[in-house]
All heavy atoms as atom14 arrays in JSON, in Angstrom:
{
  "sequence": "VLVEPKRVVIVEGILILEDKALRELMDIKI",
  "atom14_mask": [
    [1, 1, 1, 1, 1, 1, 1, 0, 0, 0, 0, 0, 0, 0],
    [1, 1, 1, 1, 1, 1, 1, 1, 0, 0, 0, 0, 0, 0],
    [1, 1, 1, 1, 1, 1, 1, 0, 0, 0, 0, 0, 0, 0],
    [1, 1, 1, 1, 1, 1, 1, 1, 1, 0, 0, 0, 0, 0],
    [1, 1, 1, 1, 1, 1, 1, 0, 0, 0, 0, 0, 0, 0],
    [1, 1, 1, 1, 1, 1, 1, 1, 1, 0, 0, 0, 0, 0],
    [1, 1, 1, 1, 1, 1, 1, 1, 1, 1, 1, 0, 0, 0],
    [1, 1, 1, 1, 1, 1, 1, 0, 0, 0, 0, 0, 0, 0],
    [1, 1, 1, 1, 1, 1, 1, 0, 0, 0, 0, 0, 0, 0],
    [1, 1, 1, 1, 1, 1, 1, 1, 0, 0, 0, 0, 0, 0],
    [1, 1, 1, 1, 1, 1, 1, 0, 0, 0, 0, 0, 0, 0],
    [1, 1, 1, 1, 1, 1, 1, 1, 1, 0, 0, 0, 0, 0],
    [1, 1, 1, 1, 0, 0, 0, 0, 0, 0, 0, 0, 0, 0],
    [1, 1, 1, 1, 1, 1, 1, 1, 0, 0, 0, 0, 0, 0],
    [1, 1, 1, 1, 1, 1, 1, 1, 0, 0, 0, 0, 0, 0],
    [1, 1, 1, 1, 1, 1, 1, 1, 0, 0, 0, 0, 0, 0],
    [1, 1, 1, 1, 1, 1, 1, 1, 0, 0, 0, 0, 0, 0],
    [1, 1, 1, 1, 1, 1, 1, 1, 1, 0, 0, 0, 0, 0],
    [1, 1, 1, 1, 1, 1, 1, 1, 0, 0, 0, 0, 0, 0],
    [1, 1, 1, 1, 1, 1, 1, 1, 1, 0, 0, 0, 0, 0],
    [1, 1, 1, 1, 1, 0, 0, 0, 0, 0, 0, 0, 0, 0],
    [1, 1, 1, 1, 1, 1, 1, 1, 0, 0, 0, 0, 0, 0],
    [1, 1, 1, 1, 1, 1, 1, 1, 1, 1, 1, 0, 0, 0],
    [1, 1, 1, 1, 1, 1, 1, 1, 1, 0, 0, 0, 0, 0],
    [1, 1, 1, 1, 1, 1, 1, 1, 0, 0, 0, 0, 0, 0],
    [1, 1, 1, 1, 1, 1, 1, 1, 0, 0, 0, 0, 0, 0],
    [1, 1, 1, 1, 1, 1, 1, 1, 0, 0, 0, 0, 0, 0],
    [1, 1, 1, 1, 1, 1, 1, 1, 0, 0, 0, 0, 0, 0],
    [1, 1, 1, 1, 1, 1, 1, 1, 1, 0, 0, 0, 0, 0],
    [1, 1, 1, 1, 1, 1, 1, 1, 0, 0, 0, 0, 0, 0]
  ],
  "atom14_positions": [
    [[14.53, 20.78, -20.7], [15.89, 21.33, -20.69], [16.88, 20.2, -20.97], [16.82, 19.14, -20.34], [16.19, 21.98, -19.31], [17.63, 22.43, -19.23], [15.22, 23.11, -19.04], [0.0, 0.0, 0.0], [0.0, 0.0, 0.0], [0.0, 0.0, 0.0], [0.0, 0.0, 0.0], [0.0, 0.0, 0.0], [0.0, 0.0, 0.0], [0.0, 0.0, 0.0]],
    [[17.79, 20.47, -21.91], [18.85, 19.51, -22.21], [19.84, 19.51, -21.05], [20.33, 20.55, -20.63], [19.58, 19.89, -23.5], [20.79, 19.04, -23.86], [20.38, 17.6, -24.16], [21.54, 19.66, -25.03], [0.0, 0.0, 0.0], [0.0, 0.0, 0.0], [0.0, 0.0, 0.0], [0.0, 0.0, 0.0], [0.0, 0.0, 0.0], [0.0, 0.0, 0.0]],
    [[20.14, 18.32, -20.53], [21.1, 18.17, -19.43], [22.19, 17.22, -19.9], [21.92, 16.08, -20.27], [20.41, 17.61, -18.15], [21.43, 17.37, -17.06], [19.3, 18.52, -17.69], [0.0, 0.0, 0.0], [0.0, 0.0, 0.0], [0.0, 0.0, 0.0], [0.0, 0.0, 0.0], [0.0, 0.0, 0.0], [0.0, 0.0, 0.0], [0.0, 0.0, 0.0]],
    [[23.41, 17.73, -19.87], [24.57, 16.93, -20.24], [25.12, 16.25, -18.99], [25.02, 16.82, -17.89], [25.66, 17.82, -20.85], [25.24, 18.53, -22.12], [25.16, 17.63, -23.33], [25.7, 16.49, -23.29], [24.57, 18.06, -24.33], [0.0, 0.0, 0.0], [0.0, 0.0, 0.0], [0.0, 0.0, 0.0], [0.0, 0.0, 0.0], [0.0, 0.0, 0.0]],
    [[25.7, 15.07, -19.11], [26.28, 14.42, -17.93], [27.46, 15.24, -17.4], [28.18, 15.87, -18.16], [26.75, 13.07, -18.46], [26.78, 13.19, -19.93], [25.87, 14.3, -20.33], [0.0, 0.0, 0.0], [0.0, 0.0, 0.0], [0.0, 0.0, 0.0], [0.0, 0.0, 0.0], [0.0, 0.0, 0.0], [0.0, 0.0, 0.0], [0.0, 0.0, 0.0]],
    [[27.59, 15.25, -16.09], [28.68, 15.97, -15.43], [29.38, 15.02, -14.46], [28.89, 13.93, -14.18], [28.14, 17.18, -14.65], [27.42, 18.2, -15.48], [28.39, 19.15, -16.16], [27.7, 20.19, -17.0], [27.47, 21.44, -16.34], [0.0, 0.0, 0.0], [0.0, 0.0, 0.0], [0.0, 0.0, 0.0], [0.0, 0.0, 0.0], [0.0, 0.0, 0.0]],
    [[30.48, 15.46, -13.93], [31.26, 14.65, -12.97], [30.45, 14.39, -11.71], [30.5, 13.3, -11.14], [32.55, 15.4, -12.64], [33.43, 14.71, -11.63], [34.19, 13.57, -12.25], [35.16, 13.05, -11.31], [34.95, 11.95, -10.59], [33.86, 11.25, -10.71], [35.87, 11.53, -9.75], [0.0, 0.0, 0.0], [0.0, 0.0, 0.0], [0.0, 0.0, 0.0]],
    [[29.68, 15.39, -11.25], [28.85, 15.26, -10.06], [27.42, 15.62, -10.44], [27.18, 16.68, -11.01], [29.33, 16.19, -8.92], [28.41, 16.08, -7.71], [30.77, 15.88, -8.53], [0.0, 0.0, 0.0], [0.0, 0.0, 0.0], [0.0, 0.0, 0.0], [0.0, 0.0, 0.0], [0.0, 0.0, 0.0], [0.0, 0.0, 0.0], [0.0, 0.0, 0.0]],
    [[26.48, 14.75, -10.13], [25.06, 15.04, -10.32], [24.42, 15.03, -8.93], [24.5, 14.03, -8.21], [24.37, 14.01, -11.24], [22.86, 14.27, -11.3], [24.98, 14.05, -12.64], [0.0, 0.0, 0.0], [0.0, 0.0, 0.0], [0.0, 0.0, 0.0], [0.0, 0.0, 0.0], [0.0, 0.0, 0.0], [0.0, 0.0, 0.0], [0.0, 0.0, 0.0]],
    [[23.83, 16.17, -8.58], [23.14, 16.29, -7.3], [21.66, 16.1, -7.54], [21.07, 16.78, -8.39], [23.4, 17.66, -6.65], [24.89, 17.87, -6.39], [22.59, 17.79, -5.35], [25.24, 19.27, -5.94], [0.0, 0.0, 0.0], [0.0, 0.0, 0.0], [0.0, 0.0, 0.0], [0.0, 0.0, 0.0], [0.0, 0.0, 0.0], [0.0, 0.0, 0.0]],
    [[21.06, 15.18, -6.81], [19.61, 14.99, -6.84], [19.09, 15.55, -5.53], [19.53, 15.12, -4.46], [19.24, 13.49, -6.95], [17.74, 13.33, -7.05], [19.95, 12.85, -8.13], [0.0, 0.0, 0.0], [0.0, 0.0, 0.0], [0.0, 0.0, 0.0], [0.0, 0.0, 0.0], [0.0, 0.0, 0.0], [0.0, 0.0, 0.0], [0.0, 0.0, 0.0]],
    [[18.19, 16.54, -5.61], [17.71, 17.15, -4.38], [16.2, 17.13, -4.33], [15.53, 17.21, -5.35], [18.25, 18.57, -4.21], [17.68, 19.62, -5.12], [16.37, 20.22, -4.63], [16.08, 20.18, -3.42], [15.62, 20.71, -5.46], [0.0, 0.0, 0.0], [0.0, 0.0, 0.0], [0.0, 0.0, 0.0], [0.0, 0.0, 0.0], [0.0, 0.0, 0.0]],
    [[15.66, 16.98, -3.1], [14.22, 17.0, -2.92], [13.81, 16.45, -1.58], [14.6, 15.78, -0.9], [0.0, 0.0, 0.0], [0.0, 0.0, 0.0], [0.0, 0.0, 0.0], [0.0, 0.0, 0.0], [0.0, 0.0, 0.0], [0.0, 0.0, 0.0], [0.0, 0.0, 0.0], [0.0, 0.0, 0.0], [0.0, 0.0, 0.0], [0.0, 0.0, 0.0]],
    [[12.56, 16.7, -1.23], [12.07, 16.28, 0.08], [11.88, 14.77, 0.18], [11.96, 14.22, 1.27], [10.78, 17.02, 0.49], [9.63, 16.71, -0.45], [11.02, 18.52, 0.59], [8.27, 17.24, 0.0], [0.0, 0.0, 0.0], [0.0, 0.0, 0.0], [0.0, 0.0, 0.0], [0.0, 0.0, 0.0], [0.0, 0.0, 0.0], [0.0, 0.0, 0.0]],
    [[11.64, 14.09, -0.96], [11.32, 12.67, -0.92], [12.27, 11.79, -1.72], [11.95, 10.66, -2.04], [9.88, 12.45, -1.42], [8.79, 13.01, -0.53], [7.42, 12.87, -1.2], [8.78, 12.32, 0.82], [0.0, 0.0, 0.0], [0.0, 0.0, 0.0], [0.0, 0.0, 0.0], [0.0, 0.0, 0.0], [0.0, 0.0, 0.0], [0.0, 0.0, 0.0]],
    [[13.46, 12.29, -2.01], [14.37, 11.5, -2.86], [14.87, 10.23, -2.19], [15.27, 9.3, -2.88], [15.55, 12.34, -3.37], [16.38, 12.86, -2.21], [15.08, 13.45, -4.29], [17.75, 13.34, -2.6], [0.0, 0.0, 0.0], [0.0, 0.0, 0.0], [0.0, 0.0, 0.0], [0.0, 0.0, 0.0], [0.0, 0.0, 0.0], [0.0, 0.0, 0.0]],
    [[14.84, 10.18, -0.87], [15.31, 8.96, -0.19], [14.18, 7.95, 0.0], [14.43, 6.83, 0.43], [15.93, 9.32, 1.16], [17.17, 10.21, 1.08], [17.66, 10.57, 2.49], [18.26, 9.57, 0.26], [0.0, 0.0, 0.0], [0.0, 0.0, 0.0], [0.0, 0.0, 0.0], [0.0, 0.0, 0.0], [0.0, 0.0, 0.0], [0.0, 0.0, 0.0]],
    [[12.97, 8.31, -0.38], [11.81, 7.42, -0.22], [11.82, 6.29, -1.24], [11.43, 5.17, -0.96], [10.51, 8.25, -0.36], [9.23, 7.47, -0.19], [8.75, 6.8, -1.46], [9.07, 7.25, -2.57], [8.04, 5.78, -1.33], [0.0, 0.0, 0.0], [0.0, 0.0, 0.0], [0.0, 0.0, 0.0], [0.0, 0.0, 0.0], [0.0, 0.0, 0.0]],
    [[12.32, 6.56, -2.44], [12.28, 5.59, -3.53], [13.56, 4.74, -3.54], [14.66, 5.28, -3.69], [12.12, 6.32, -4.87], [11.93, 5.36, -6.02], [10.78, 4.95, -6.25], [12.94, 5.02, -6.67], [0.0, 0.0, 0.0], [0.0, 0.0, 0.0], [0.0, 0.0, 0.0], [0.0, 0.0, 0.0], [0.0, 0.0, 0.0], [0.0, 0.0, 0.0]],
    [[13.4, 3.43, -3.41], [14.55, 2.53, -3.33], [15.43, 2.58, -4.58], [16.66, 2.64, -4.47], [14.08, 1.09, -3.07], [15.23, 0.12, -2.91], [14.76, -1.29, -2.63], [16.0, -2.16, -2.42], [15.72, -3.56, -2.6], [0.0, 0.0, 0.0], [0.0, 0.0, 0.0], [0.0, 0.0, 0.0], [0.0, 0.0, 0.0], [0.0, 0.0, 0.0]],
    [[14.82, 2.57, -5.75], [15.61, 2.58, -6.99], [16.43, 3.86, -7.11], [17.6, 3.83, -7.52], [14.68, 2.43, -8.2], [0.0, 0.0, 0.0], [0.0, 0.0, 0.0], [0.0, 0.0, 0.0], [0.0, 0.0, 0.0], [0.0, 0.0, 0.0], [0.0, 0.0, 0.0], [0.0, 0.0, 0.0], [0.0, 0.0, 0.0], [0.0, 0.0, 0.0]],
    [[15.85, 4.99, -6.72], [16.57, 6.26, -6.76], [17.69, 6.27, -5.72], [18.83, 6.67, -6.01], [15.6, 7.42, -6.54], [16.15, 8.83, -6.64], [16.83, 9.06, -7.99], [15.04, 9.85, -6.42], [0.0, 0.0, 0.0], [0.0, 0.0, 0.0], [0.0, 0.0, 0.0], [0.0, 0.0, 0.0], [0.0, 0.0, 0.0], [0.0, 0.0, 0.0]],
    [[17.37, 5.82, -4.52], [18.35, 5.75, -3.43], [19.57, 4.92, -3.83], [20.71, 5.27, -3.54], [17.67, 5.12, -2.2], [17.99, 5.72, -0.9], [17.2, 5.17, 0.27], [16.76, 3.8, 0.23], [15.48, 3.43, 0.13], [14.51, 4.31, 0.07], [15.16, 2.15, 0.12], [0.0, 0.0, 0.0], [0.0, 0.0, 0.0], [0.0, 0.0, 0.0]],
    [[19.32, 3.8, -4.5], [20.41, 2.9, -4.88], [21.34, 3.49, -5.94], [22.47, 3.04, -6.08], [19.85, 1.56, -5.36], [19.27, 0.75, -4.21], [18.65, -0.56, -4.64], [18.37, -0.75, -5.86], [18.41, -1.41, -3.75], [0.0, 0.0, 0.0], [0.0, 0.0, 0.0], [0.0, 0.0, 0.0], [0.0, 0.0, 0.0], [0.0, 0.0, 0.0]],
    [[20.9, 4.51, -6.66], [21.75, 5.18, -7.63], [22.72, 6.16, -6.98], [23.7, 6.57, -7.59], [20.9, 5.92, -8.67], [20.15, 5.06, -9.66], [19.16, 5.92, -10.46], [21.11, 4.34, -10.6], [0.0, 0.0, 0.0], [0.0, 0.0, 0.0], [0.0, 0.0, 0.0], [0.0, 0.0, 0.0], [0.0, 0.0, 0.0], [0.0, 0.0, 0.0]],
    [[22.44, 6.54, -5.74], [23.23, 7.57, -5.05], [24.49, 6.99, -4.43], [24.44, 5.99, -3.74], [22.38, 8.23, -3.97], [21.17, 8.95, -4.49], [20.14, 9.53, -3.13], [18.63, 9.89, -4.0], [0.0, 0.0, 0.0], [0.0, 0.0, 0.0], [0.0, 0.0, 0.0], [0.0, 0.0, 0.0], [0.0, 0.0, 0.0], [0.0, 0.0, 0.0]],
    [[25.59, 7.69, -4.67], [26.86, 7.32, -4.06], [27.0, 7.95, -2.68], [27.63, 7.38, -1.79], [28.03, 7.77, -4.95], [27.96, 7.13, -6.32], [28.13, 5.89, -6.4], [27.72, 7.84, -7.31], [0.0, 0.0, 0.0], [0.0, 0.0, 0.0], [0.0, 0.0, 0.0], [0.0, 0.0, 0.0], [0.0, 0.0, 0.0], [0.0, 0.0, 0.0]],
    [[26.41, 9.13, -2.51], [26.45, 9.86, -1.24], [25.03, 10.35, -0.95], [24.36, 10.86, -1.85], [27.41, 11.07, -1.32], [28.84, 10.6, -1.64], [27.38, 11.89, -0.03], [29.79, 11.73, -2.0], [0.0, 0.0, 0.0], [0.0, 0.0, 0.0], [0.0, 0.0, 0.0], [0.0, 0.0, 0.0], [0.0, 0.0, 0.0], [0.0, 0.0, 0.0]],
    [[24.6, 10.2, 0.3], [23.28, 10.66, 0.71], [23.44, 11.63, 1.88], [24.09, 11.32, 2.85], [22.4, 9.49, 1.13], [22.16, 8.47, 0.03], [21.56, 7.2, 0.6], [21.65, 6.05, -0.36], [22.96, 5.41, -0.41], [0.0, 0.0, 0.0], [0.0, 0.0, 0.0], [0.0, 0.0, 0.0], [0.0, 0.0, 0.0], [0.0, 0.0, 0.0]],
    [[22.82, 12.81, 1.73], [22.86, 13.84, 2.76], [21.44, 14.17, 3.16], [20.59, 14.4, 2.29], [23.56, 15.12, 2.24], [24.99, 14.82, 1.79], [23.51, 16.24, 3.28], [25.64, 15.95, 1.01], [0.0, 0.0, 0.0], [0.0, 0.0, 0.0], [0.0, 0.0, 0.0], [0.0, 0.0, 0.0], [0.0, 0.0, 0.0], [0.0, 0.0, 0.0]]
  ]
}
């Protein structure tokens, strides 16, 4: 699926906070 950049990108999942590189890209963590 083609995904265009948006003002807000939400990354969701059960293990998204496990990976340091992914975590460091996040401005807000819930």
